[in-house]
Amino acid sequence: MYQGYKDRVTFYIVYIREAHPIDGWRTDQNDKEGIKITDPKTTAERMGVAGECLEDLELTIPCLVDNIEDQANKIYCGWPDRLYVMEKGGKVAYQGGMGPSGFKPDEAAEVLEELVGAPKEK
């Protein structure tokens, strides 16, 4: 979706908080993959974790980081993940369900197509 629309739409990943820190709700999958992240205690620490995540996943979409008070998460109910499409001026055109089961990029892509047309060919 990003590749098909990035010349016409501004995309951001908003890193809100660590879903499975080792000092919180751990998962066997994170343990198997060697992911050992402690829950950040400051916005600077959260920014560092977000940067590591982007680098490890080789993501090229620009990233914003929620402050340690979780202001964006509280406003947009983004935890653990959620997709939004915003119109110019900030009106919500699409609010996906809470992830992971509500994370449906195809639905967001349909709204984007309605707003700005078909994606460019890959």
N, C-alpha and C. Protein backbone atom coordinates (compact mmCIF):
# COMPACT_ATOMS: atom_id res chain seq x y z
N MET A 1 0.84 -1.18 0.00
CA MET A 1 0.00 0.00 0.00
C MET A 1 0.88 1.25 0.00
N TYR A 2 1.90 1.23 0.84
CA TYR A 2 2.81 2.38 0.92
C TYR A 2 3.45 2.67 -0.43
N GLN A 3 3.95 1.63 -1.08
CA GLN A 3 4.61 1.82 -2.38
C GLN A 3 3.64 2.36 -3.43
N GLY A 4 2.40 1.93 -3.38
CA GLY A 4 1.42 2.34 -4.37
C GLY A 4 0.88 3.75 -4.19
N TYR A 5 1.00 4.28 -2.98
CA TYR A 5 0.40 5.59 -2.69
C TYR A 5 1.37 6.64 -2.17
N LYS A 6 2.60 6.28 -1.90
CA LYS A 6 3.49 7.22 -1.19
C LYS A 6 3.75 8.52 -1.95
N ASP A 7 3.52 8.56 -3.26
CA ASP A 7 3.69 9.80 -4.01
C ASP A 7 2.49 10.74 -3.88
N ARG A 8 1.37 10.25 -3.31
CA ARG A 8 0.15 11.06 -3.18
C ARG A 8 -0.40 11.15 -1.77
N VAL A 9 0.10 10.29 -0.89
CA VAL A 9 -0.44 10.20 0.47
C VAL A 9 0.73 10.20 1.46
N THR A 10 0.56 10.86 2.58
CA THR A 10 1.58 10.84 3.63
C THR A 10 1.28 9.68 4.56
N PHE A 11 2.27 8.83 4.74
CA PHE A 11 2.13 7.67 5.62
C PHE A 11 3.00 7.86 6.85
N TYR A 12 2.52 7.38 7.98
CA TYR A 12 3.32 7.33 9.20
C TYR A 12 3.02 6.05 9.95
N ILE A 13 4.04 5.50 10.53
CA ILE A 13 3.88 4.50 11.58
C ILE A 13 3.92 5.31 12.86
N VAL A 14 3.01 5.08 13.76
CA VAL A 14 3.05 5.75 15.06
C VAL A 14 3.37 4.67 16.10
N TYR A 15 4.58 4.72 16.61
CA TYR A 15 5.01 3.75 17.61
C TYR A 15 4.46 4.20 18.95
N ILE A 16 3.53 3.41 19.52
CA ILE A 16 2.87 3.86 20.73
C ILE A 16 3.45 3.27 22.01
N ARG A 17 3.73 1.98 22.02
CA ARG A 17 4.35 1.36 23.18
C ARG A 17 4.73 -0.06 22.81
N GLU A 18 5.60 -0.62 23.58
CA GLU A 18 6.05 -1.99 23.32
C GLU A 18 4.95 -2.95 23.74
N ALA A 19 4.53 -3.81 22.81
CA ALA A 19 3.43 -4.73 23.08
C ALA A 19 3.82 -5.85 24.04
N HIS A 20 5.06 -6.34 23.91
CA HIS A 20 5.47 -7.51 24.70
C HIS A 20 6.85 -7.32 25.32
N PRO A 21 6.97 -6.37 26.25
CA PRO A 21 8.28 -6.18 26.88
C PRO A 21 8.60 -7.35 27.82
N ILE A 22 9.89 -7.57 28.05
CA ILE A 22 10.28 -8.69 28.93
C ILE A 22 9.85 -8.46 30.37
N ASP A 23 9.62 -7.20 30.74
CA ASP A 23 9.14 -6.90 32.08
C ASP A 23 7.63 -6.64 32.10
N GLY A 24 6.94 -7.21 31.10
CA GLY A 24 5.49 -7.06 30.99
C GLY A 24 4.88 -8.34 30.46
N TRP A 25 4.07 -8.22 29.45
CA TRP A 25 3.37 -9.36 28.86
C TRP A 25 4.26 -10.01 27.81
N ARG A 26 5.02 -11.00 28.21
CA ARG A 26 5.96 -11.70 27.32
C ARG A 26 5.22 -12.71 26.45
N THR A 27 5.84 -13.04 25.32
CA THR A 27 5.29 -14.08 24.47
C THR A 27 6.38 -15.09 24.14
N ASP A 28 5.97 -16.33 23.92
CA ASP A 28 6.92 -17.37 23.51
C ASP A 28 7.59 -17.00 22.19
N GLN A 29 6.82 -16.39 21.27
CA GLN A 29 7.37 -16.02 19.96
C GLN A 29 8.53 -15.03 20.12
N ASN A 30 8.36 -14.02 20.95
CA ASN A 30 9.45 -13.06 21.18
C ASN A 30 10.66 -13.76 21.79
N ASP A 31 10.41 -14.68 22.72
CA ASP A 31 11.52 -15.42 23.33
C ASP A 31 12.25 -16.24 22.27
N LYS A 32 11.52 -16.92 21.39
CA LYS A 32 12.13 -17.72 20.33
C LYS A 32 12.96 -16.87 19.37
N GLU A 33 12.48 -15.65 19.10
CA GLU A 33 13.16 -14.76 18.16
C GLU A 33 14.24 -13.91 18.84
N GLY A 34 14.41 -14.08 20.14
CA GLY A 34 15.44 -13.34 20.86
C GLY A 34 15.11 -11.87 21.07
N ILE A 35 13.83 -11.51 21.03
CA ILE A 35 13.41 -10.12 21.23
C ILE A 35 13.31 -9.89 22.73
N LYS A 36 14.20 -9.06 23.24
CA LYS A 36 14.26 -8.80 24.69
C LYS A 36 14.29 -7.29 24.92
N ILE A 37 13.13 -6.72 24.94
CA ILE A 37 12.99 -5.27 25.10
C ILE A 37 12.29 -5.00 26.41
N THR A 38 12.90 -4.15 27.24
CA THR A 38 12.22 -3.73 28.46
C THR A 38 11.27 -2.58 28.12
N ASP A 39 10.24 -2.43 28.91
CA ASP A 39 9.27 -1.36 28.69
C ASP A 39 9.94 -0.02 28.94
N PRO A 40 10.01 0.84 27.92
CA PRO A 40 10.66 2.14 28.11
C PRO A 40 10.01 2.96 29.22
N LYS A 41 10.82 3.70 29.95
CA LYS A 41 10.33 4.54 31.05
C LYS A 41 10.33 6.02 30.70
N THR A 42 10.97 6.38 29.59
CA THR A 42 11.01 7.78 29.15
C THR A 42 10.70 7.83 27.65
N THR A 43 10.32 9.01 27.19
CA THR A 43 10.07 9.18 25.76
C THR A 43 11.35 8.92 24.96
N ALA A 44 12.48 9.34 25.47
CA ALA A 44 13.76 9.10 24.77
C ALA A 44 14.03 7.60 24.64
N GLU A 45 13.78 6.83 25.69
CA GLU A 45 13.96 5.37 25.61
C GLU A 45 13.00 4.78 24.59
N ARG A 46 11.75 5.25 24.57
CA ARG A 46 10.77 4.75 23.60
C ARG A 46 11.22 5.07 22.18
N MET A 47 11.77 6.24 21.98
CA MET A 47 12.27 6.61 20.65
C MET A 47 13.40 5.67 20.22
N GLY A 48 14.25 5.30 21.16
CA GLY A 48 15.33 4.37 20.85
C GLY A 48 14.80 3.00 20.45
N VAL A 49 13.82 2.50 21.17
CA VAL A 49 13.22 1.20 20.86
C VAL A 49 12.53 1.26 19.50
N ALA A 50 11.82 2.34 19.23
CA ALA A 50 11.15 2.49 17.93
C ALA A 50 12.18 2.48 16.80
N GLY A 51 13.29 3.16 16.99
CA GLY A 51 14.34 3.18 15.97
C GLY A 51 14.92 1.80 15.72
N GLU A 52 15.14 1.04 16.79
CA GLU A 52 15.64 -0.33 16.65
C GLU A 52 14.63 -1.19 15.89
N CYS A 53 13.36 -1.02 16.20
CA CYS A 53 12.30 -1.78 15.54
C CYS A 53 12.30 -1.48 14.04
N LEU A 54 12.34 -0.21 13.67
CA LEU A 54 12.35 0.16 12.25
C LEU A 54 13.55 -0.44 11.54
N GLU A 55 14.69 -0.36 12.20
CA GLU A 55 15.91 -0.89 11.60
C GLU A 55 15.85 -2.41 11.45
N ASP A 56 15.45 -3.09 12.51
CA ASP A 56 15.38 -4.56 12.48
C ASP A 56 14.39 -5.06 11.42
N LEU A 57 13.28 -4.36 11.26
CA LEU A 57 12.26 -4.77 10.30
C LEU A 57 12.49 -4.18 8.91
N GLU A 58 13.53 -3.34 8.78
CA GLU A 58 13.88 -2.69 7.52
C GLU A 58 12.70 -1.91 6.94
N LEU A 59 12.01 -1.16 7.81
CA LEU A 59 10.86 -0.37 7.39
C LEU A 59 11.32 0.99 6.88
N THR A 60 10.69 1.45 5.82
CA THR A 60 11.04 2.75 5.24
C THR A 60 9.94 3.79 5.42
N ILE A 61 8.82 3.39 6.00
CA ILE A 61 7.73 4.34 6.25
C ILE A 61 8.16 5.25 7.40
N PRO A 62 7.99 6.56 7.27
CA PRO A 62 8.36 7.46 8.36
C PRO A 62 7.63 7.08 9.65
N CYS A 63 8.30 7.30 10.77
CA CYS A 63 7.76 6.90 12.07
C CYS A 63 7.67 8.08 13.02
N LEU A 64 6.54 8.17 13.70
CA LEU A 64 6.35 9.10 14.80
C LEU A 64 6.31 8.27 16.08
N VAL A 65 6.70 8.85 17.20
CA VAL A 65 6.74 8.11 18.45
C VAL A 65 5.86 8.81 19.48
N ASP A 66 4.93 8.06 20.04
CA ASP A 66 4.05 8.59 21.08
C ASP A 66 4.89 8.93 22.31
N ASN A 67 4.48 9.96 23.04
CA ASN A 67 5.21 10.31 24.26
C ASN A 67 4.96 9.27 25.34
N ILE A 68 5.73 9.32 26.39
CA ILE A 68 5.67 8.30 27.44
C ILE A 68 4.33 8.34 28.20
N GLU A 69 3.60 9.45 28.07
CA GLU A 69 2.27 9.54 28.68
C GLU A 69 1.20 8.87 27.81
N ASP A 70 1.60 8.35 26.66
CA ASP A 70 0.71 7.62 25.74
C ASP A 70 -0.42 8.48 25.19
N GLN A 71 -0.14 9.74 24.92
CA GLN A 71 -1.17 10.67 24.46
C GLN A 71 -1.84 10.22 23.15
N ALA A 72 -1.06 9.83 22.15
CA ALA A 72 -1.65 9.39 20.86
C ALA A 72 -2.45 8.11 21.05
N ASN A 73 -1.93 7.19 21.84
CA ASN A 73 -2.65 5.94 22.08
C ASN A 73 -3.99 6.20 22.75
N LYS A 74 -4.02 7.11 23.70
CA LYS A 74 -5.27 7.42 24.39
C LYS A 74 -6.29 8.05 23.45
N ILE A 75 -5.82 8.90 22.54
CA ILE A 75 -6.73 9.56 21.60
C ILE A 75 -7.24 8.60 20.53
N TYR A 76 -6.34 7.77 20.00
CA TYR A 76 -6.68 6.92 18.86
C TYR A 76 -6.89 5.45 19.20
N CYS A 77 -6.77 5.08 20.46
CA CYS A 77 -6.96 3.68 20.88
C CYS A 77 -6.18 2.74 19.96
N GLY A 78 -4.88 2.97 19.86
CA GLY A 78 -4.06 2.26 18.90
C GLY A 78 -3.42 0.98 19.38
N TRP A 79 -3.47 0.68 20.67
CA TRP A 79 -2.75 -0.48 21.18
C TRP A 79 -3.54 -1.75 20.96
N PRO A 80 -3.00 -2.85 20.48
CA PRO A 80 -1.59 -3.01 20.13
C PRO A 80 -1.27 -2.49 18.73
N ASP A 81 -2.25 -2.50 17.83
CA ASP A 81 -2.05 -1.86 16.53
C ASP A 81 -3.40 -1.56 15.91
N ARG A 82 -3.41 -0.55 15.04
CA ARG A 82 -4.66 -0.12 14.42
C ARG A 82 -4.30 0.72 13.20
N LEU A 83 -5.10 0.61 12.16
CA LEU A 83 -4.90 1.41 10.95
C LEU A 83 -5.90 2.56 10.91
N TYR A 84 -5.41 3.71 10.48
CA TYR A 84 -6.26 4.88 10.26
C TYR A 84 -5.96 5.45 8.89
N VAL A 85 -6.99 5.97 8.24
CA VAL A 85 -6.84 6.80 7.05
C VAL A 85 -7.48 8.13 7.42
N MET A 86 -6.68 9.18 7.29
CA MET A 86 -7.17 10.52 7.63
C MET A 86 -7.29 11.35 6.36
N GLU A 87 -8.37 12.10 6.27
CA GLU A 87 -8.53 13.03 5.15
C GLU A 87 -7.73 14.29 5.44
N LYS A 88 -7.52 15.10 4.41
CA LYS A 88 -6.89 16.40 4.64
C LYS A 88 -7.75 17.14 5.65
N GLY A 89 -7.13 17.84 6.56
CA GLY A 89 -7.86 18.54 7.60
C GLY A 89 -8.04 17.71 8.86
N GLY A 90 -7.67 16.42 8.82
CA GLY A 90 -7.69 15.60 10.02
C GLY A 90 -8.93 14.77 10.28
N LYS A 91 -9.91 14.80 9.38
CA LYS A 91 -11.10 13.99 9.57
C LYS A 91 -10.75 12.51 9.36
N VAL A 92 -11.26 11.66 10.23
CA VAL A 92 -11.01 10.22 10.12
C VAL A 92 -11.89 9.65 9.00
N ALA A 93 -11.25 9.10 7.97
CA ALA A 93 -11.97 8.47 6.86
C ALA A 93 -12.10 6.97 7.09
N TYR A 94 -11.17 6.40 7.84
CA TYR A 94 -11.20 4.97 8.14
C TYR A 94 -10.52 4.73 9.48
N GLN A 95 -11.19 3.98 10.33
CA GLN A 95 -10.61 3.52 11.59
C GLN A 95 -10.76 2.01 11.60
N GLY A 96 -9.64 1.32 11.50
CA GLY A 96 -9.68 -0.13 11.53
C GLY A 96 -9.95 -0.63 12.93
N GLY A 97 -10.19 -1.91 13.02
CA GLY A 97 -10.40 -2.53 14.31
C GLY A 97 -9.08 -2.71 15.04
N MET A 98 -9.16 -3.03 16.31
CA MET A 98 -7.96 -3.24 17.10
C MET A 98 -7.27 -4.52 16.64
N GLY A 99 -5.96 -4.44 16.52
CA GLY A 99 -5.17 -5.58 16.07
C GLY A 99 -4.96 -6.59 17.17
N PRO A 100 -4.45 -7.72 16.82
CA PRO A 100 -4.08 -8.05 15.45
C PRO A 100 -5.26 -8.50 14.59
N SER A 101 -6.36 -8.95 15.16
CA SER A 101 -7.46 -9.46 14.33
C SER A 101 -8.16 -8.36 13.53
N GLY A 102 -8.13 -7.13 14.02
CA GLY A 102 -8.78 -6.02 13.32
C GLY A 102 -7.87 -5.28 12.37
N PHE A 103 -6.63 -5.74 12.22
CA PHE A 103 -5.64 -5.10 11.35
C PHE A 103 -5.89 -5.58 9.93
N LYS A 104 -6.61 -4.78 9.13
CA LYS A 104 -7.02 -5.19 7.79
C LYS A 104 -6.61 -4.15 6.75
N PRO A 105 -5.38 -4.25 6.28
CA PRO A 105 -4.87 -3.28 5.30
C PRO A 105 -5.73 -3.18 4.04
N ASP A 106 -6.36 -4.28 3.60
CA ASP A 106 -7.19 -4.23 2.40
C ASP A 106 -8.35 -3.25 2.56
N GLU A 107 -8.91 -3.18 3.75
CA GLU A 107 -10.00 -2.22 4.00
C GLU A 107 -9.49 -0.78 3.90
N ALA A 108 -8.33 -0.52 4.49
CA ALA A 108 -7.75 0.82 4.42
C ALA A 108 -7.42 1.17 2.98
N ALA A 109 -6.93 0.20 2.21
CA ALA A 109 -6.59 0.44 0.81
C ALA A 109 -7.83 0.80 0.00
N GLU A 110 -8.96 0.19 0.29
CA GLU A 110 -10.20 0.53 -0.40
C GLU A 110 -10.59 1.99 -0.16
N VAL A 111 -10.43 2.44 1.07
CA VAL A 111 -10.75 3.83 1.40
C VAL A 111 -9.79 4.77 0.70
N LEU A 112 -8.51 4.43 0.69
CA LEU A 112 -7.53 5.25 -0.02
C LEU A 112 -7.90 5.37 -1.50
N GLU A 113 -8.28 4.27 -2.10
CA GLU A 113 -8.65 4.30 -3.52
C GLU A 113 -9.85 5.21 -3.76
N GLU A 114 -10.82 5.18 -2.85
CA GLU A 114 -11.97 6.07 -2.97
C GLU A 114 -11.54 7.53 -2.87
N LEU A 115 -10.59 7.83 -2.00
CA LEU A 115 -10.16 9.21 -1.76
C LEU A 115 -9.23 9.76 -2.84
N VAL A 116 -8.28 8.94 -3.30
CA VAL A 116 -7.25 9.48 -4.20
C VAL A 116 -7.06 8.68 -5.47
N GLY A 117 -7.85 7.64 -5.70
CA GLY A 117 -7.72 6.86 -6.92
C GLY A 117 -6.89 5.60 -6.70
N ALA A 118 -6.72 4.87 -7.78
CA ALA A 118 -6.01 3.60 -7.72
C ALA A 118 -4.53 3.80 -7.39
N PRO A 119 -3.92 2.79 -6.77
CA PRO A 119 -2.47 2.89 -6.50
C PRO A 119 -1.69 2.81 -7.80
N LYS A 120 -0.47 3.34 -7.78
CA LYS A 120 0.36 3.22 -8.97
C LYS A 120 0.85 1.78 -9.06
N GLU A 121 1.17 1.38 -10.27
CA GLU A 121 1.66 0.02 -10.49
C GLU A 121 2.99 -0.17 -9.81
N LYS A 122 3.18 -1.36 -9.25
CA LYS A 122 4.44 -1.67 -8.56
C LYS A 122 5.52 -2.01 -9.53
